[in-house]
């Protein structure tokens, strides 16, 4: 596909160029195995070139009138709107997203771009009083400088854009490393959008590479002051460790093991709809997905019957078919890992109400119940179409089970009494929780992030300004200070 081959390059200092590594990343369609593109990996030297280009370009960009920066973001938004059909096809082809998923990702991407347009004008300074006569304290909000962004494969266009666009709007330069399974949608596609939008050379650089080639060079390099990482908690822990050792700030959006709680007074049919979407959207490859569905025993039988029936009706197949609801997992390793989790959990005594099977990278949905309380499956993030149904007796037990996880990203509570739901939600140790809704939500101005092993920091709205800028104190003495010697 020419769309992919045209973008199968490194993008450094405004130039499209081949990588200089000794091996290639092959970009495959996860559904049919079609080779989409081949990209020679970037080396440590090229990572250095990208960061140095960003460093050279950043100060002039920071000094640029924010209305000028805003105009570039506005143009980028128009380009995404104009090329939406093409980008949607790319999402379907490169990551196996269904048409519904592609539309969902692009809708959010445009919303976040609209917010980034406004962010260019949002940072404001302060003048604070001083106990010293004649002194004025000015507090300026300034860009952090150069930002390193490492994005995942599941929502690559959105989750790259979510850091790249606001960082640029706020006067920073960026070096972006997309996931090796989605180098186009998560990387060079953004470079093309911003290049066509008139972004000056050097401000956005995309390096397609792998830790096997560059090690920790992206993290340890002296230029970036902030690393924004979205991915697994295992890798996030390593990113945090390396960055802390090098006095770099981090924003870490990591994994989840969210619980969707169905209380005894819930609208069962509605809760079933919310739970099925929350677990199976994009084949369950979503950090906010409802891994665990907790059901009050008073309604367990009714909920379970309706949930299993709805899951069994989901169409599994070609993501390019508009009627498909479950497409492929991102690669064969992921498909094998998910199948193994299901098999091991059933062997350990759980009941499979639906036992999904793998055909290539397609994995049909599983629904497991009667899971031992100490089962490791209840503690982990399952990045695949597997639902765990867990009964409980009363709110206190629901809260205890929901909190019995190292993660704390999202969640939901279903109830006929909104304030009851809020009270339960306040007891769940998680960064986000939704009453009478699904667990998968992201909005441009609402703080997004997790607790515990689900991450550090927040993004969106004012939180994004906090993340991608820093404060600088400049005092002015209009009179004369008195010194003791």
Protein backbone atom coordinates (compact mmCIF):
# COMPACT_ATOMS: atom_id res chain seq x y z
CA UNK A 1 0.00 0.00 0.00
CA UNK A 2 1.58 3.25 -1.12
CA UNK A 3 0.11 5.06 1.90
CA UNK A 4 2.32 2.98 4.18
CA UNK A 5 5.42 2.80 2.00
CA UNK A 6 5.37 6.57 1.49
CA UNK A 7 5.55 7.04 5.26
CA UNK A 8 8.01 4.22 5.98
CA UNK A 9 10.96 6.44 6.90
CA UNK A 10 12.51 8.21 9.83
CA UNK A 11 11.54 11.88 10.15
CA UNK A 12 14.40 13.93 11.62
CA UNK A 13 14.93 17.70 11.44
CA UNK A 14 12.27 18.07 8.76
CA UNK A 15 13.78 15.38 6.51
CA UNK A 16 12.37 12.00 5.50
CA UNK A 17 15.25 9.56 5.49
CA UNK A 18 15.98 5.84 5.85
CA UNK A 19 17.25 4.57 9.16
CA UNK A 20 20.85 3.51 9.45
CA UNK A 21 20.35 0.43 11.62
CA UNK A 22 21.28 -3.07 10.53
CA UNK A 23 17.76 -4.52 10.50
CA UNK A 24 14.20 -3.65 9.55
CA UNK A 25 10.92 -3.39 11.40
CA UNK A 26 8.29 -5.08 9.24
CA UNK A 27 4.83 -3.56 9.52
CA UNK A 28 2.16 -6.26 9.09
CA UNK A 29 -1.62 -6.22 8.82
CA UNK A 30 -2.53 -8.32 11.90
CA UNK A 31 -5.64 -9.75 10.25
CA UNK A 32 -4.33 -11.11 6.97
CA UNK A 33 -0.56 -10.96 7.44
CA UNK A 34 -0.07 -8.57 4.52
CA UNK A 35 3.23 -6.71 4.64
CA UNK A 36 2.40 -3.01 4.77
CA UNK A 37 5.87 -1.51 4.98
CA UNK A 38 9.48 -2.10 5.96
CA UNK A 39 11.40 0.47 7.98
CA UNK A 40 15.10 0.30 8.75
CA UNK A 41 15.48 1.08 12.44
CA UNK A 42 16.98 4.30 13.75
CA UNK A 43 20.31 4.06 15.57
CA UNK A 44 21.52 5.69 18.77
CA UNK A 45 23.21 8.31 16.59
CA UNK A 46 19.93 9.11 14.87
CA UNK A 47 18.16 9.42 18.23
CA UNK A 48 20.84 11.95 19.14
CA UNK A 49 20.30 13.80 15.84
CA UNK A 50 16.55 13.95 16.52
CA UNK A 51 17.00 15.33 20.03
CA UNK A 52 19.62 17.84 18.89
CA UNK A 53 17.34 19.04 16.10
CA UNK A 54 14.54 19.47 18.62
CA UNK A 55 16.85 21.36 20.96
CA UNK A 56 17.93 23.76 18.20
CA UNK A 57 14.38 24.48 17.07
CA UNK A 58 12.66 24.69 20.44
CA UNK A 59 13.64 28.10 21.79
CA UNK A 60 12.59 30.00 18.69
CA UNK A 61 9.29 28.10 18.74
CA UNK A 62 8.79 28.97 22.42
CA UNK A 63 9.38 32.63 21.57
CA UNK A 64 6.90 32.46 18.68
CA UNK A 65 3.62 34.29 19.22
CA UNK A 66 1.19 31.73 20.66
CA UNK A 67 -1.39 32.80 18.07
CA UNK A 68 1.06 31.65 15.40
CA UNK A 69 1.50 28.32 17.17
CA UNK A 70 -2.27 28.04 17.39
CA UNK A 71 -2.60 28.52 13.64
CA UNK A 72 -0.39 25.48 13.00
CA UNK A 73 -2.55 23.36 15.30
CA UNK A 74 -5.68 24.62 13.55
CA UNK A 75 -4.24 23.59 10.19
CA UNK A 76 -3.34 20.15 11.57
CA UNK A 77 -6.93 19.70 12.71
CA UNK A 78 -8.25 20.60 9.25
CA UNK A 79 -5.84 18.11 7.66
CA UNK A 80 -7.01 15.30 9.95
CA UNK A 81 -10.63 16.14 9.14
CA UNK A 82 -9.92 16.16 5.41
CA UNK A 83 -7.97 12.89 5.49
CA UNK A 84 -10.23 11.06 7.91
CA UNK A 85 -11.25 8.27 5.47
CA UNK A 86 -7.60 7.57 4.64
CA UNK A 87 -6.52 7.59 8.29
CA UNK A 88 -9.44 5.34 9.22
CA UNK A 89 -8.39 2.79 6.60
CA UNK A 90 -4.85 2.90 7.97
CA UNK A 91 -6.07 2.19 11.52
CA UNK A 92 -8.05 -0.82 10.28
CA UNK A 93 -5.09 -2.15 8.29
CA UNK A 94 -2.19 -1.53 10.67
CA UNK A 95 -3.67 -2.41 14.05
CA UNK A 96 -6.72 -4.48 13.20
CA UNK A 97 -9.13 -1.92 14.53
CA UNK A 98 -12.75 -2.32 13.45
CA UNK A 99 -14.51 0.46 11.58
CA UNK A 100 -16.26 1.36 14.84
CA UNK A 101 -12.96 1.52 16.69
CA UNK A 102 -11.34 3.65 13.98
CA UNK A 103 -14.25 6.10 14.12
CA UNK A 104 -14.02 6.19 17.94
CA UNK A 105 -10.26 6.86 17.85
CA UNK A 106 -10.53 9.58 15.21
CA UNK A 107 -13.40 11.29 17.00
CA UNK A 108 -11.29 11.53 20.15
CA UNK A 109 -8.20 12.57 18.19
CA UNK A 110 -10.08 15.52 16.69
CA UNK A 111 -11.44 16.50 20.10
CA UNK A 112 -7.93 16.49 21.57
CA UNK A 113 -6.60 18.52 18.65
CA UNK A 114 -9.34 21.10 19.24
CA UNK A 115 -8.25 21.32 22.87
CA UNK A 116 -4.59 21.63 21.82
CA UNK A 117 -5.55 24.59 19.64
CA UNK A 118 -6.86 26.35 22.76
CA UNK A 119 -3.89 25.31 24.92
CA UNK A 120 -1.55 27.56 22.94
CA UNK A 121 -3.19 30.57 24.60
CA UNK A 122 -3.89 29.11 28.04
CA UNK A 123 -0.67 29.44 30.05
CA UNK A 124 -0.72 32.53 32.25
CA UNK A 125 1.75 34.04 34.70
CA UNK A 126 1.28 35.53 38.15
CA UNK A 127 2.50 38.49 40.13
CA UNK A 128 2.82 37.54 43.77
CA UNK A 129 3.40 39.79 46.80
CA UNK A 130 6.69 39.82 48.68
CA UNK A 131 7.48 40.49 52.35
CA UNK A 132 10.44 42.58 51.13
CA UNK A 133 9.67 46.23 50.47
CA UNK A 134 9.89 47.29 46.83
CA UNK A 135 10.04 43.74 45.53
CA UNK A 136 7.82 42.23 42.87
CA UNK A 137 7.59 38.47 42.27
CA UNK A 138 6.75 37.40 38.75
CA UNK A 139 5.98 33.73 38.11
CA UNK A 140 6.17 32.77 34.47
CA UNK A 141 4.88 29.52 33.00
CA UNK A 142 7.33 28.35 30.33
CA UNK A 143 7.73 25.22 28.18
CA UNK A 144 9.72 22.37 29.70
CA UNK A 145 11.81 22.33 26.50
CA UNK A 146 12.12 19.03 24.62
CA UNK A 147 9.68 16.21 25.30
CA UNK A 148 10.22 12.54 24.51
CA UNK A 149 7.01 10.67 23.69
CA UNK A 150 6.73 6.88 23.62
CA UNK A 151 3.33 5.65 22.44
CA UNK A 152 1.54 2.25 22.43
CA UNK A 153 -0.03 0.13 19.69
CA UNK A 154 -3.66 0.04 20.79
CA UNK A 155 -4.75 3.64 20.08
CA UNK A 156 -1.55 4.81 18.36
CA UNK A 157 -2.82 7.86 16.48
CA UNK A 158 -4.79 9.21 19.43
CA UNK A 159 -2.27 8.44 22.16
CA UNK A 160 0.67 9.86 20.22
CA UNK A 161 -1.34 12.96 19.34
CA UNK A 162 -2.51 13.36 22.93
CA UNK A 163 1.04 14.22 24.03
CA UNK A 164 2.52 15.58 20.79
CA UNK A 165 -0.13 18.20 20.00
CA UNK A 166 -0.32 19.91 23.42
CA UNK A 167 3.46 19.76 23.87
CA UNK A 168 3.88 21.63 20.57
CA UNK A 169 1.04 24.04 21.33
CA UNK A 170 2.73 24.98 24.60
CA UNK A 171 6.05 25.79 22.94
CA UNK A 172 7.97 22.53 23.27
CA UNK A 173 9.72 20.39 20.68
CA UNK A 174 9.09 16.64 20.52
CA UNK A 175 10.86 13.40 19.68
CA UNK A 176 8.30 10.65 19.19
CA UNK A 177 8.98 6.92 19.21
CA UNK A 178 5.90 4.93 18.16
CA UNK A 179 5.37 1.27 19.01
CA UNK A 180 7.10 -1.01 16.50
CA UNK A 181 3.76 -2.69 15.65
CA UNK A 182 2.20 0.65 14.65
CA UNK A 183 5.03 2.83 13.31
CA UNK A 184 2.84 4.62 10.76
CA UNK A 185 -0.41 5.38 12.61
CA UNK A 186 1.46 6.11 15.82
CA UNK A 187 4.42 7.93 14.31
CA UNK A 188 5.16 9.03 10.78
CA UNK A 189 1.51 9.78 9.98
CA UNK A 190 1.62 12.48 12.67
CA UNK A 191 4.86 13.81 11.21
CA UNK A 192 3.19 14.12 7.80
CA UNK A 193 0.14 15.89 9.27
CA UNK A 194 2.26 18.47 11.09
CA UNK A 195 4.68 18.91 8.20
CA UNK A 196 1.75 19.70 5.91
CA UNK A 197 0.35 22.01 8.59
CA UNK A 198 3.50 24.14 8.36
CA UNK A 199 5.25 23.13 11.57
CA UNK A 200 8.88 24.34 11.32
CA UNK A 201 11.55 21.69 10.84
CA UNK A 202 13.02 20.09 13.93
CA UNK A 203 10.05 20.62 16.23
CA UNK A 204 8.61 17.15 15.68
CA UNK A 205 10.93 14.24 15.01
CA UNK A 206 9.84 10.61 14.66
CA UNK A 207 12.28 7.77 15.26
CA UNK A 208 11.10 4.28 14.43
CA UNK A 209 13.31 1.93 16.37
CA UNK A 210 13.47 -0.65 19.16
CA UNK A 211 15.17 -1.06 22.51
CA UNK A 212 17.17 -3.92 20.97
CA UNK A 213 18.87 -1.29 18.78
CA UNK A 214 19.07 1.79 21.03
CA UNK A 215 18.79 0.49 24.59
CA UNK A 216 17.81 3.35 26.90
CA UNK A 217 19.18 6.10 24.65
CA UNK A 218 15.75 7.68 24.26
CA UNK A 219 15.44 8.00 28.05
CA UNK A 220 19.02 8.77 29.06
CA UNK A 221 19.76 11.42 26.44
CA UNK A 222 20.61 14.75 28.12
CA UNK A 223 18.29 16.90 25.98
CA UNK A 224 14.71 15.85 26.92
CA UNK A 225 13.42 17.16 30.24
CA UNK A 226 10.20 15.13 30.20
CA UNK A 227 9.27 11.66 28.98
CA UNK A 228 5.61 10.94 28.30
CA UNK A 229 5.12 7.17 28.16
CA UNK A 230 1.98 5.11 27.55
CA UNK A 231 2.26 1.35 27.85
CA UNK A 232 2.61 -1.51 30.29
CA UNK A 233 3.38 -1.05 33.97
CA UNK A 234 6.43 -3.31 33.61
CA UNK A 235 8.03 -1.04 31.02
CA UNK A 236 6.69 2.04 32.80
CA UNK A 237 8.52 1.04 35.95
CA UNK A 238 11.77 0.87 33.96
CA UNK A 239 11.08 4.23 32.32
CA UNK A 240 10.44 5.81 35.72
CA UNK A 241 13.64 4.34 37.17
CA UNK A 242 15.88 5.49 34.33
CA UNK A 243 14.31 8.94 34.20
CA UNK A 244 14.58 9.44 37.95
CA UNK A 245 18.27 8.54 37.80
CA UNK A 246 18.71 11.22 35.12
CA UNK A 247 16.55 13.87 36.88
CA UNK A 248 13.86 13.81 34.22
CA UNK A 249 10.15 14.26 34.80
CA UNK A 250 7.71 11.61 33.62
CA UNK A 251 4.06 11.28 32.75
CA UNK A 252 3.21 7.58 32.84
CA UNK A 253 -0.11 6.25 31.56
CA UNK A 254 0.10 2.54 32.33
CA UNK A 255 -2.02 -0.58 32.55
CA UNK A 256 -5.25 -1.30 34.33
CA UNK A 257 -7.40 -4.02 35.84
CA UNK A 258 -10.62 -2.10 36.07
CA UNK A 259 -13.73 -3.37 37.83
CA UNK A 260 -17.24 -2.70 36.57
CA UNK A 261 -19.51 -3.14 39.60
CA UNK A 262 -23.18 -4.05 39.17
CA UNK A 263 -25.11 -3.38 42.38
CA UNK A 264 -28.37 -5.10 43.26
CA UNK A 265 -30.53 -2.14 42.17
CA UNK A 266 -28.92 -1.69 38.76
CA UNK A 267 -30.70 -1.67 35.41
CA UNK A 268 -29.47 -5.12 34.37
CA UNK A 269 -29.99 -4.77 30.62
CA UNK A 270 -28.17 -1.44 30.55
CA UNK A 271 -25.36 -2.77 32.76
CA UNK A 272 -24.92 -5.71 30.38
CA UNK A 273 -24.56 -3.36 27.42
CA UNK A 274 -22.02 -1.21 29.29
CA UNK A 275 -20.05 -4.24 30.46
CA UNK A 276 -19.86 -5.89 27.04
CA UNK A 277 -18.58 -2.71 25.42
CA UNK A 278 -16.19 -1.99 28.29
CA UNK A 279 -14.64 -5.46 28.07
CA UNK A 280 -14.60 -6.16 24.33
CA UNK A 281 -14.04 -2.83 22.59
CA UNK A 282 -10.95 -3.20 20.37
CA UNK A 283 -10.72 -6.86 21.36
CA UNK A 284 -10.08 -5.84 24.98
CA UNK A 285 -6.78 -4.16 24.07
CA UNK A 286 -7.62 -1.06 26.10
CA UNK A 287 -5.99 -0.05 29.38
CA UNK A 288 -9.36 1.09 30.75
CA UNK A 289 -11.18 -2.11 29.78
CA UNK A 290 -13.35 -3.80 32.41
CA UNK A 291 -11.18 -6.83 33.14
CA UNK A 292 -13.35 -7.80 36.10
CA UNK A 293 -17.12 -7.57 36.13
CA UNK A 294 -18.41 -7.69 39.70
CA UNK A 295 -22.08 -8.66 40.15
CA UNK A 296 -24.24 -8.67 43.26
CA UNK A 297 -25.44 -12.22 43.88
CA UNK A 298 -29.04 -10.98 43.98
CA UNK A 299 -28.91 -10.38 40.23
CA UNK A 300 -26.02 -12.67 39.27
CA UNK A 301 -28.12 -15.25 37.39
CA UNK A 302 -30.05 -12.72 35.30
CA UNK A 303 -26.99 -10.64 34.51
CA UNK A 304 -24.83 -13.63 33.61
CA UNK A 305 -27.39 -15.14 31.23
CA UNK A 306 -27.90 -11.86 29.40
CA UNK A 307 -24.19 -11.03 29.36
CA UNK A 308 -23.17 -14.40 27.89
CA UNK A 309 -25.92 -14.22 25.27
CA UNK A 310 -24.81 -10.77 24.13
CA UNK A 311 -21.12 -11.72 24.05
CA UNK A 312 -21.92 -14.86 22.06
CA UNK A 313 -23.62 -12.69 19.44
CA UNK A 314 -20.53 -10.53 18.77
CA UNK A 315 -19.21 -10.91 15.23
CA UNK A 316 -15.57 -11.93 14.99
CA UNK A 317 -13.70 -11.45 11.73
CA UNK A 318 -12.25 -9.05 9.19
CA UNK A 319 -11.97 -5.59 10.73
CA UNK A 320 -12.53 -4.05 7.30
CA UNK A 321 -16.06 -5.48 7.33
CA UNK A 322 -18.30 -2.81 8.93
CA UNK A 323 -20.33 -5.51 10.70
CA UNK A 324 -17.30 -6.91 12.54
CA UNK A 325 -17.18 -6.17 16.27
CA UNK A 326 -14.15 -8.27 17.27
CA UNK A 327 -11.08 -8.02 15.05
CA UNK A 328 -7.59 -9.50 15.46
CA UNK A 329 -5.18 -9.00 18.31
CA UNK A 330 -2.09 -7.02 17.39
CA UNK A 331 0.20 -10.02 16.83
CA UNK A 332 0.54 -13.78 17.27
CA UNK A 333 2.38 -13.47 20.58
CA UNK A 334 -0.55 -11.58 22.07
CA UNK A 335 -3.07 -14.07 20.66
CA UNK A 336 -1.12 -16.99 22.12
CA UNK A 337 -0.73 -15.28 25.49
CA UNK A 338 -4.45 -14.57 25.82
CA UNK A 339 -5.38 -18.13 24.83
CA UNK A 340 -2.91 -19.48 27.38
CA UNK A 341 -4.40 -17.35 30.16
CA UNK A 342 -7.88 -18.73 29.43
CA UNK A 343 -6.69 -22.34 29.26
CA UNK A 344 -4.68 -22.09 32.49
CA UNK A 345 -7.53 -20.44 34.38
CA UNK A 346 -9.98 -23.14 33.29
CA UNK A 347 -7.46 -25.88 34.18
CA UNK A 348 -7.19 -24.30 37.64
CA UNK A 349 -10.93 -24.77 38.20
CA UNK A 350 -12.72 -21.80 36.65
CA UNK A 351 -15.82 -22.32 34.54
CA UNK A 352 -15.79 -21.17 30.92
CA UNK A 353 -19.26 -19.99 30.00
CA UNK A 354 -17.70 -19.16 26.65
CA UNK A 355 -14.27 -20.54 25.74
CA UNK A 356 -12.78 -18.48 22.95
CA UNK A 357 -10.42 -20.06 20.45
CA UNK A 358 -7.66 -18.56 18.38
CA UNK A 359 -7.55 -18.69 14.60
CA UNK A 360 -4.44 -16.82 13.61
CA UNK A 361 -4.61 -13.49 15.44
CA UNK A 362 -8.39 -13.69 15.75
CA UNK A 363 -9.39 -14.72 19.27
CA UNK A 364 -13.09 -15.19 19.92
CA UNK A 365 -14.49 -13.96 23.26
CA UNK A 366 -14.23 -15.90 26.50
CA UNK A 367 -16.35 -15.49 29.63
CA UNK A 368 -14.99 -17.08 32.81
CA UNK A 369 -16.67 -17.47 36.19
CA UNK A 370 -16.24 -19.48 39.41
CA UNK A 371 -12.70 -18.16 39.64
CA UNK A 372 -10.77 -18.85 42.84
CA UNK A 373 -10.29 -15.71 44.93
CA UNK A 374 -6.52 -16.21 44.90
CA UNK A 375 -6.29 -16.82 41.16
CA UNK A 376 -3.52 -14.78 39.53
CA UNK A 377 -5.84 -13.97 36.65
CA UNK A 378 -7.76 -11.58 38.94
CA UNK A 379 -4.60 -9.57 39.59
CA UNK A 380 -3.36 -9.05 36.04
CA UNK A 381 -4.27 -6.98 33.03
CA UNK A 382 -5.62 -9.16 30.23
CA UNK A 383 -5.10 -7.39 26.91
CA UNK A 384 -7.64 -9.49 25.05
CA UNK A 385 -11.32 -10.48 24.75
CA UNK A 386 -11.69 -12.25 28.11
CA UNK A 387 -14.26 -11.29 30.75
CA UNK A 388 -14.02 -12.40 34.38
CA UNK A 389 -17.38 -12.53 36.20
CA UNK A 390 -17.03 -12.24 39.98
CA UNK A 391 -20.06 -12.36 42.33
CA UNK A 392 -20.20 -10.43 45.61
CA UNK A 393 -22.49 -9.94 48.60
CA UNK A 394 -23.10 -6.27 49.33
CA UNK A 395 -21.21 -3.05 48.76
CA UNK A 396 -18.39 -3.68 51.23
CA UNK A 397 -17.35 -6.89 49.52
CA UNK A 398 -17.62 -5.22 46.11
CA UNK A 399 -15.27 -2.46 47.25
CA UNK A 400 -12.82 -4.94 48.76
CA UNK A 401 -12.67 -7.02 45.57
CA UNK A 402 -12.42 -3.97 43.32
CA UNK A 403 -9.46 -2.66 45.35
CA UNK A 404 -7.71 -6.04 45.45
CA UNK A 405 -5.40 -5.29 42.53
CA UNK A 406 -2.09 -3.50 42.05
CA UNK A 407 -3.76 -1.28 39.46
CA UNK A 408 -6.06 1.73 39.74
CA UNK A 409 -6.91 3.27 36.39
CA UNK A 410 -10.64 3.24 35.67
CA UNK A 411 -13.86 1.59 36.79
CA UNK A 412 -17.63 1.86 36.82
CA UNK A 413 -20.54 1.40 39.23
CA UNK A 414 -24.08 0.58 38.08
CA UNK A 415 -26.95 1.36 40.41
CA UNK A 416 -30.45 2.79 40.48
CA UNK A 417 -29.29 5.36 43.06
CA UNK A 418 -26.72 7.79 41.68
CA UNK A 419 -25.51 9.02 45.06
CA UNK A 420 -25.08 5.44 46.22
CA UNK A 421 -22.92 4.89 43.16
CA UNK A 422 -20.86 7.97 43.94
CA UNK A 423 -20.32 6.80 47.53
CA UNK A 424 -19.10 3.43 46.31
CA UNK A 425 -16.96 5.09 43.64
CA UNK A 426 -15.26 7.25 46.26
CA UNK A 427 -14.11 4.11 48.05
CA UNK A 428 -12.42 2.61 44.97
CA UNK A 429 -8.70 3.46 44.76
CA UNK A 430 -8.60 4.46 41.13
CA UNK A 431 -7.86 7.57 39.10
CA UNK A 432 -11.22 7.53 37.31
CA UNK A 433 -14.58 5.91 37.89
CA UNK A 434 -17.90 6.28 36.07
CA UNK A 435 -21.40 5.94 37.49
CA UNK A 436 -23.91 4.14 35.25
CA UNK A 437 -21.59 4.06 32.27
CA UNK A 438 -18.73 2.08 30.78
CA UNK A 439 -15.12 2.12 31.94
CA UNK A 440 -13.61 3.35 28.66
CA UNK A 441 -13.69 7.16 28.58
CA UNK A 442 -11.30 9.99 27.80
CA UNK A 443 -12.26 13.65 27.49
CA UNK A 444 -9.98 16.56 26.54
CA UNK A 445 -10.43 18.76 29.63
CA UNK A 446 -10.91 16.15 32.38
CA UNK A 447 -7.81 14.87 34.25
CA UNK A 448 -6.84 11.42 32.94
CA UNK A 449 -4.51 9.09 34.81
CA UNK A 450 -4.19 6.31 37.31
CA UNK A 451 -3.19 5.38 40.84
CA UNK A 452 -0.88 2.64 42.11
CA UNK A 453 0.73 0.70 39.24
CA UNK A 454 -1.49 2.45 36.68
CA UNK A 455 0.81 5.44 36.38
CA UNK A 456 2.10 8.78 37.53
CA UNK A 457 0.75 12.20 36.66
CA UNK A 458 -2.27 13.32 34.69
CA UNK A 459 -3.00 14.59 31.20
CA UNK A 460 -5.85 16.62 29.62
CA UNK A 461 -6.84 20.24 30.16
CA UNK A 462 -5.08 22.04 32.99
CA UNK A 463 -3.22 18.82 33.82
CA UNK A 464 -1.60 18.92 30.38
CA UNK A 465 -0.39 22.46 31.03
CA UNK A 466 1.10 21.28 34.32
CA UNK A 467 2.79 18.36 32.56
CA UNK A 468 4.34 20.17 29.59
CA UNK A 469 5.29 23.48 31.19
CA UNK A 470 7.26 24.53 34.24
CA UNK A 471 7.24 27.64 36.44
CA UNK A 472 9.99 30.23 36.57
CA UNK A 473 10.29 32.84 39.31
CA UNK A 474 11.74 36.19 38.36
CA UNK A 475 11.84 38.81 41.11
CA UNK A 476 12.25 42.51 40.48
CA UNK A 477 13.52 44.86 43.19
CA UNK A 478 12.14 48.32 42.40
CA UNK A 479 13.77 49.84 45.45
CA UNK A 480 16.94 48.78 47.25
CA UNK A 481 17.33 45.67 49.40
CA UNK A 482 19.16 45.83 52.71
CA UNK A 483 21.98 43.29 53.06
CA UNK A 484 23.44 42.23 56.43
CA UNK A 485 27.07 42.60 55.20
